[in-house]
Each structure stands twice: as C-alpha cells, then as structure tokens.
Amino acid sequence: MNSNSHSTRWNTTAPSRTRQVCGDLALAQHRMYGRRLCERLNVLVIGTYQHLSAAARLGSGASVRFFASTFPCSVRREQRVVWLCIALFFAPLLAFIAAAYFEPKWIYALLPPEAQAQMDAMYGQETMDDFVRDKFGSSFAMFGFYIINNVSIHFRIFASGVLLGAGAVYGLGYQGIFIGAMFGYVHTSGNLHRLYTFCASHSSFELLGFILGAAAGVRIGLALVHPGRLPRVAAMREAGKRALPVLLGSTMMLIAAAAIEGFWSGSSVPALMKHTAGILGWVIFTVYFIFAGRRTADET
C-alpha cells in the first residue's frame, strides 16, 4: 500500500481512533493498569490530537489560499466575460437613473405600486431605524432577509446561464434595469442622501457579487455554444471547473453584503463613515482583482 492511500485512510478514521484511544486511556487510568501502559496511551492521544490539529490548519490554509489566490486569479481568467457582464449591468442601471431627469414615465411604468410604496417608506422616514423596526423587527431579521433574497437572485442568474448564456445575460440586465429604476424613483421623489448613505457600504460586495455570478453562468453557457474541440459535455465540465471558484467567491461576497446591510447600513453610524467605507470597498476590490494572487500564478 502506498503512502497516499495510507494517509487517506488515516484521515477518514482519525476522529474515531482519537475517541477510542482517549477512552482506552481513561479506562486504563481508572483501573490503574500501570504507568507504562498509561504513558503509551497518552503518547497515542497526543499524536492523534496533533494529527487532527494539522488537518484543521491545512483546511484553514486552503480557505486562505482560495481568497488570496484562486478566486482573484479565476476572475482575471474570465476577464472578458466579466467586462461584458459589467457593461450589461451598469448600462441599463445608469440609463434608468438618467431617465429620472429626462423620461420619468419609464420609471413609473416599470416599478409596481408596492415597490414605489416601499421606496417611499424606506427613504421617507426620519431614520432607517424606523423602517427596520416596522418591516423586520431587528437587524438580525434584516440580515436573514437579505441573505435569502440576494443569494437566491444570485443563483437564479447563475443557473440560467445554462440557457446558452442568454438567461444569465437577461437576469443580470433585468437587475440593472430594476435597481436603476429604484434609484431613479428616489432621484425624483425621495431622499437621495439617505439612499446613498444606506447603499454605500455594501454596494461593492452586492453589485460585484451579482456580476461575477452572472459571469460564471455565462462561462458555462458559452461552453454549449462554442465547445471547441471537446464534446459539449466535456466542455461544460471544464467550464464548470473554471466557473466554480468565481461562483463560490461571489456567493461569499453576497453573504458579506447581507451582513453589512443588516447590521451596518441601516444603523445610526455617521453618514461620512458609511460613504468612506463604500469608497474603500470599491478601491480594495479593484486592487484585489487586479493584483491578488499574481505571484502565485507566476510561480505555478
């Protein structure tokens, strides 16, 4: 048996063996089987504990490597698709914000009355605390709502990319239109300061999360349209391997956005701090996706 198979078998049985050796040591000490046996069992307990600790450190190291290198390198590898998705999202968003000044009827035609009423309530109260208490009851409930809402939208956009990529393009474009219409509505009849103060801190996490999720879906859809020399099933499998780090990383970004939105964005923290955090978020993500992991990629 080679060393790799032996290591794999040990990794799968280490927790049960640790429990067994600990039980044997406790029994031996209780029945006073002798110092020599107890010392031998104690050495085995220490050894199994060190093995488990090393495995735990290895797992945490894999998470660090993912965010330090794998995720940003995967985004750069798909930079053409990412830039396409950025354009598909921000073009309609900015167009509908501009429509607030030139053709506001488009905004009122797109937003249903209930959405308009929610925007009036959210940005017409004196403080965001009033809205949070009335709609959610607590910041934790708000956090849970945004996780369910944002992550479900994210996965729908990604999954629809299987439809030759067109589904992800449509889903992302629709989000750009709808968010742009909401911003345009507040531009015409709401409190702009409160809107941008609320959205600033989590904007980079949330908007980039949607964009990267769509890029992962488009990558898989393109494998169906243009599989190259591979059969379509094999091309989709390879595209899935490329898209998976982007999907996982963007999902974590949306979870972080929900936490910020629930516990920070609607709080009474001064507006200057929220705007500063928002600007720093965009700057940090820009630097992160351009430079992170380049040294590791060059070494490999």
Protein backbone atom coordinates (compact mmCIF):
# COMPACT_ATOMS: atom_id res chain seq x y z
CA MET A 1 0.00 0.00 0.00
CA ASN A 2 1.45 3.40 -0.97
CA SER A 3 1.77 6.35 1.41
CA ASN A 4 -1.04 8.37 -0.23
CA SER A 5 -3.66 5.66 0.24
CA HIS A 6 -2.49 5.10 3.80
CA SER A 7 -2.79 8.85 4.53
CA THR A 8 -6.27 8.97 3.03
CA ARG A 9 -7.44 6.01 5.11
CA TRP A 10 -5.97 7.59 8.25
CA ASN A 11 -7.69 10.93 7.56
CA THR A 12 -11.07 9.25 7.32
CA THR A 13 -10.65 7.26 10.56
CA ALA A 14 -8.65 9.72 12.70
CA PRO A 15 -11.62 11.16 14.67
CA SER A 16 -12.96 7.71 15.62
CA ARG A 17 -9.48 6.46 16.51
CA THR A 18 -8.91 9.53 18.67
CA ARG A 19 -12.11 8.88 20.60
CA GLN A 20 -11.16 5.22 21.01
CA VAL A 21 -7.65 5.96 22.31
CA CYS A 22 -8.98 8.62 24.72
CA GLY A 23 -11.49 6.09 26.04
CA ASP A 24 -8.76 3.47 26.47
CA LEU A 25 -6.56 5.96 28.35
CA ALA A 26 -9.40 6.95 30.69
CA LEU A 27 -10.20 3.28 31.35
CA ALA A 28 -6.56 2.38 31.99
CA GLN A 29 -6.13 5.25 34.43
CA HIS A 30 -9.39 4.42 36.19
CA ARG A 31 -8.47 0.75 36.63
CA MET A 32 -4.81 1.55 37.38
CA TYR A 33 -3.36 -0.76 34.74
CA GLY A 34 0.11 0.63 35.31
CA ARG A 35 2.21 3.64 34.45
CA ARG A 36 3.85 2.10 31.39
CA LEU A 37 0.56 1.39 29.61
CA CYS A 38 -0.92 4.75 30.58
CA GLU A 39 2.15 6.59 29.27
CA ARG A 40 1.92 4.66 25.98
CA LEU A 41 -1.75 5.52 25.58
CA ASN A 42 -1.04 9.15 26.50
CA VAL A 43 1.56 9.35 23.71
CA LEU A 44 -1.01 7.98 21.26
CA VAL A 45 -3.61 10.55 22.39
CA ILE A 46 -1.12 13.40 21.90
CA GLY A 47 -0.17 12.06 18.46
CA THR A 48 -3.77 11.79 17.23
CA TYR A 49 -4.55 15.26 18.58
CA GLN A 50 -1.57 16.74 16.72
CA HIS A 51 -2.68 14.99 13.53
CA LEU A 52 -6.18 16.43 13.82
CA SER A 53 -4.78 19.90 14.55
CA ALA A 54 -2.57 19.70 11.47
CA ALA A 55 -5.56 18.71 9.34
CA ALA A 56 -7.54 21.65 10.71
CA ARG A 57 -4.68 24.03 9.93
CA LEU A 58 -4.48 22.58 6.42
CA GLY A 59 -8.20 23.22 5.92
CA SER A 60 -7.94 26.81 7.09
CA GLY A 61 -4.90 27.26 4.86
CA ALA A 62 -6.96 26.11 1.87
CA SER A 63 -9.53 28.81 2.63
CA VAL A 64 -6.80 31.43 2.83
CA ARG A 65 -5.32 30.25 -0.48
CA PHE A 66 -8.73 30.39 -2.11
CA PHE A 67 -9.32 34.06 -1.27
CA ALA A 68 -5.67 35.08 -1.62
CA SER A 69 -5.09 33.46 -5.00
CA THR A 70 -7.65 31.08 -6.51
CA PHE A 71 -10.64 33.45 -6.52
CA PRO A 72 -8.95 36.58 -7.96
CA CYS A 73 -6.96 34.51 -10.49
CA SER A 74 -10.17 32.83 -11.67
CA VAL A 75 -11.85 36.23 -12.09
CA ARG A 76 -8.92 37.51 -14.15
CA ARG A 77 -9.03 34.37 -16.26
CA GLU A 78 -12.62 35.26 -17.16
CA GLN A 79 -11.97 38.98 -17.54
CA ARG A 80 -13.61 39.26 -20.98
CA VAL A 81 -16.83 37.72 -19.70
CA VAL A 82 -16.61 39.82 -16.53
CA TRP A 83 -16.24 43.06 -18.50
CA LEU A 84 -19.19 42.05 -20.67
CA CYS A 85 -21.32 41.48 -17.57
CA ILE A 86 -20.20 44.79 -16.07
CA ALA A 87 -21.43 46.58 -19.19
CA LEU A 88 -24.69 44.61 -19.26
CA PHE A 89 -25.39 45.56 -15.66
CA PHE A 90 -24.30 49.18 -15.40
CA ALA A 91 -25.52 50.39 -18.80
CA PRO A 92 -29.25 49.90 -18.03
CA LEU A 93 -28.74 50.95 -14.39
CA LEU A 94 -27.25 54.31 -15.39
CA ALA A 95 -29.77 54.71 -18.22
CA PHE A 96 -32.73 54.44 -15.84
CA ILE A 97 -31.14 56.82 -13.36
CA ALA A 98 -30.80 59.30 -16.25
CA ALA A 99 -34.44 58.63 -17.19
CA ALA A 100 -35.42 60.18 -13.86
CA TYR A 101 -34.48 63.56 -15.34
CA PHE A 102 -35.48 63.12 -18.99
CA GLU A 103 -38.27 60.50 -19.18
CA PRO A 104 -39.51 59.63 -15.65
CA LYS A 105 -42.59 57.90 -17.09
CA TRP A 106 -40.38 54.85 -17.82
CA ILE A 107 -39.61 54.52 -14.13
CA TYR A 108 -43.24 54.76 -13.05
CA ALA A 109 -44.19 52.25 -15.75
CA LEU A 110 -41.60 49.72 -14.58
CA LEU A 111 -41.91 49.93 -10.80
CA PRO A 112 -45.14 48.40 -9.44
CA PRO A 113 -47.09 50.42 -6.85
CA GLU A 114 -45.91 48.20 -3.98
CA ALA A 115 -42.27 48.84 -4.91
CA GLN A 116 -42.92 52.57 -5.04
CA ALA A 117 -44.61 52.41 -1.62
CA GLN A 118 -41.63 50.52 -0.17
CA MET A 119 -39.19 53.09 -1.54
CA ASP A 120 -41.32 55.89 -0.08
CA ALA A 121 -41.33 54.17 3.31
CA MET A 122 -37.66 53.32 3.28
CA TYR A 123 -36.40 56.73 2.23
CA GLY A 124 -39.19 58.91 3.55
CA GLN A 125 -38.78 58.19 7.28
CA GLU A 126 -36.61 60.33 9.52
CA THR A 127 -34.25 57.43 10.31
CA MET A 128 -33.57 53.99 8.89
CA ASP A 129 -34.17 52.55 12.37
CA ASP A 130 -37.90 53.24 11.97
CA PHE A 131 -38.03 51.25 8.74
CA VAL A 132 -36.04 48.34 10.19
CA ARG A 133 -38.34 48.10 13.23
CA ASP A 134 -41.52 48.30 11.14
CA LYS A 135 -40.54 45.82 8.41
CA PHE A 136 -38.06 43.41 10.02
CA GLY A 137 -38.24 43.88 13.76
CA SER A 138 -34.45 43.54 14.23
CA SER A 139 -31.15 43.87 12.42
CA PHE A 140 -30.67 40.10 12.55
CA ALA A 141 -34.01 39.52 10.78
CA MET A 142 -32.94 42.08 8.19
CA PHE A 143 -29.67 40.20 7.71
CA GLY A 144 -31.53 36.93 7.19
CA PHE A 145 -33.92 38.50 4.69
CA TYR A 146 -31.11 39.91 2.56
CA ILE A 147 -29.21 36.62 2.57
CA ILE A 148 -32.27 34.77 1.25
CA ASN A 149 -33.15 37.50 -1.22
CA ASN A 150 -29.70 38.25 -2.63
CA VAL A 151 -28.33 34.72 -2.74
CA SER A 152 -31.50 33.37 -4.39
CA ILE A 153 -31.27 36.06 -7.09
CA HIS A 154 -27.58 35.27 -7.49
CA PHE A 155 -28.11 31.55 -8.02
CA ARG A 156 -31.03 32.11 -10.40
CA ILE A 157 -28.83 34.33 -12.54
CA PHE A 158 -26.01 31.77 -12.48
CA ALA A 159 -28.24 28.76 -13.19
CA SER A 160 -29.97 30.49 -16.10
CA GLY A 161 -26.58 30.76 -17.80
CA VAL A 162 -27.06 27.14 -18.91
CA LEU A 163 -29.53 28.52 -21.49
CA LEU A 164 -26.64 29.28 -23.88
CA GLY A 165 -25.62 32.14 -21.58
CA ALA A 166 -28.67 34.18 -22.58
CA GLY A 167 -30.50 33.51 -19.31
CA ALA A 168 -27.69 34.96 -17.21
CA VAL A 169 -27.44 37.96 -19.53
CA TYR A 170 -31.17 38.58 -19.23
CA GLY A 171 -31.20 38.11 -15.44
CA LEU A 172 -28.26 40.44 -14.92
CA GLY A 173 -29.66 43.06 -17.30
CA TYR A 174 -33.03 42.93 -15.56
CA GLN A 175 -31.37 43.51 -12.20
CA GLY A 176 -29.58 46.51 -13.68
CA ILE A 177 -32.85 47.90 -15.03
CA PHE A 178 -34.79 47.32 -11.81
CA ILE A 179 -32.11 48.73 -9.50
CA GLY A 180 -31.67 51.68 -11.85
CA ALA A 181 -35.43 52.29 -11.80
CA MET A 182 -35.48 52.25 -7.98
CA PHE A 183 -32.61 54.73 -7.82
CA GLY A 184 -34.28 56.87 -10.47
CA TYR A 185 -37.51 56.85 -8.49
CA VAL A 186 -35.76 58.13 -5.38
CA HIS A 187 -33.98 60.73 -7.52
CA THR A 188 -37.37 62.14 -8.48
CA SER A 189 -39.32 61.86 -5.24
CA GLY A 190 -37.14 60.66 -2.37
CA ASN A 191 -34.24 61.47 -0.08
CA LEU A 192 -31.05 60.97 -2.08
CA HIS A 193 -28.78 61.44 0.92
CA ARG A 194 -30.50 58.62 2.81
CA LEU A 195 -30.48 56.35 -0.27
CA TYR A 196 -26.76 56.64 -0.97
CA THR A 197 -25.87 56.55 2.71
CA PHE A 198 -27.73 53.26 3.10
CA CYS A 199 -26.34 51.66 -0.08
CA ALA A 200 -22.76 52.93 0.02
CA SER A 201 -21.13 50.45 2.40
CA HIS A 202 -22.40 47.20 0.86
CA SER A 203 -22.65 48.33 -2.78
CA SER A 204 -19.32 46.87 -3.92
CA PHE A 205 -19.98 43.48 -2.31
CA GLU A 206 -23.53 43.19 -3.65
CA LEU A 207 -23.19 44.56 -7.18
CA LEU A 208 -19.90 42.81 -7.92
CA GLY A 209 -21.35 39.61 -6.45
CA PHE A 210 -24.25 39.70 -8.91
CA ILE A 211 -21.91 40.49 -11.81
CA LEU A 212 -19.46 37.68 -11.02
CA GLY A 213 -22.29 35.18 -10.52
CA ALA A 214 -23.59 36.07 -13.97
CA ALA A 215 -20.09 35.75 -15.42
CA ALA A 216 -19.83 32.21 -14.02
CA GLY A 217 -23.17 31.33 -15.64
CA VAL A 218 -22.20 32.86 -18.97
CA ARG A 219 -18.95 30.86 -18.96
CA ILE A 220 -20.90 27.60 -18.73
CA GLY A 221 -23.37 28.77 -21.40
CA LEU A 222 -20.54 29.62 -23.78
CA ALA A 223 -19.24 26.07 -23.46
CA LEU A 224 -22.50 24.90 -25.03
CA VAL A 225 -22.34 27.48 -27.81
CA HIS A 226 -18.66 27.04 -28.59
CA PRO A 227 -17.27 23.79 -27.13
CA GLY A 228 -14.15 23.90 -29.29
CA ARG A 229 -12.53 20.53 -29.89
CA LEU A 230 -14.19 18.94 -26.87
CA PRO A 231 -17.60 17.25 -26.83
CA ARG A 232 -20.21 19.55 -25.32
CA VAL A 233 -20.49 17.51 -22.11
CA ALA A 234 -16.72 17.61 -21.60
CA ALA A 235 -16.64 21.31 -22.48
CA MET A 236 -19.33 22.03 -19.89
CA ARG A 237 -17.40 20.04 -17.30
CA GLU A 238 -14.26 22.07 -17.95
CA ALA A 239 -16.24 25.32 -17.92
CA GLY A 240 -17.78 24.30 -14.59
CA LYS A 241 -14.31 23.84 -13.09
CA ARG A 242 -13.36 27.33 -14.27
CA ALA A 243 -16.63 28.89 -13.11
CA LEU A 244 -16.84 27.23 -9.68
CA PRO A 245 -14.28 29.46 -7.87
CA VAL A 246 -15.98 32.56 -9.30
CA LEU A 247 -19.38 31.29 -8.15
CA LEU A 248 -18.17 30.42 -4.64
CA GLY A 249 -16.30 33.69 -4.20
CA SER A 250 -19.22 35.80 -5.43
CA THR A 251 -21.59 33.93 -3.11
CA MET A 252 -19.39 34.81 -0.14
CA MET A 253 -19.38 38.44 -1.29
CA LEU A 254 -23.19 38.48 -1.24
CA ILE A 255 -23.30 36.93 2.22
CA ALA A 256 -20.90 39.64 3.40
CA ALA A 257 -23.13 42.25 1.71
CA ALA A 258 -26.16 40.92 3.60
CA ALA A 259 -24.27 41.16 6.90
CA ILE A 260 -23.23 44.75 6.18
CA GLU A 261 -26.73 45.64 5.01
CA GLY A 262 -28.37 44.13 8.06
CA PHE A 263 -26.07 45.34 10.83
CA TRP A 264 -24.34 48.45 9.47
CA SER A 265 -26.08 50.10 6.50
CA GLY A 266 -29.34 50.80 8.32
CA SER A 267 -27.71 51.69 11.64
CA SER A 268 -27.13 55.12 13.14
CA VAL A 269 -23.44 55.14 12.17
CA PRO A 270 -22.50 58.59 10.81
CA ALA A 271 -23.04 59.03 7.08
CA LEU A 272 -19.41 60.05 6.50
CA MET A 273 -18.19 56.71 7.81
CA LYS A 274 -20.61 54.81 5.57
CA HIS A 275 -19.61 56.76 2.46
CA THR A 276 -15.93 56.27 3.31
CA ALA A 277 -16.46 52.53 3.77
CA GLY A 278 -18.26 52.38 0.43
CA ILE A 279 -15.44 54.13 -1.45
CA LEU A 280 -12.82 51.95 0.24
CA GLY A 281 -14.79 48.84 -0.72
CA TRP A 282 -14.65 49.68 -4.44
CA VAL A 283 -10.97 50.64 -4.26
CA ILE A 284 -10.00 47.50 -2.34
CA PHE A 285 -11.90 45.17 -4.68
CA THR A 286 -10.35 46.86 -7.72
CA VAL A 287 -6.83 46.38 -6.37
CA TYR A 288 -7.68 42.87 -5.16
CA PHE A 289 -8.95 41.58 -8.50
CA ILE A 290 -6.09 43.19 -10.43
CA PHE A 291 -3.13 42.17 -8.26
CA ALA A 292 -4.06 39.41 -5.77
CA GLY A 293 -2.54 36.02 -6.49
CA ARG A 294 -0.30 37.18 -9.34
CA ARG A 295 2.91 35.99 -7.67
CA THR A 296 1.41 32.55 -7.01
CA ALA A 297 0.17 32.33 -10.60
CA ASP A 298 3.62 33.28 -11.93
CA GLU A 299 5.29 30.65 -9.75
CA THR A 300 2.96 27.92 -10.98
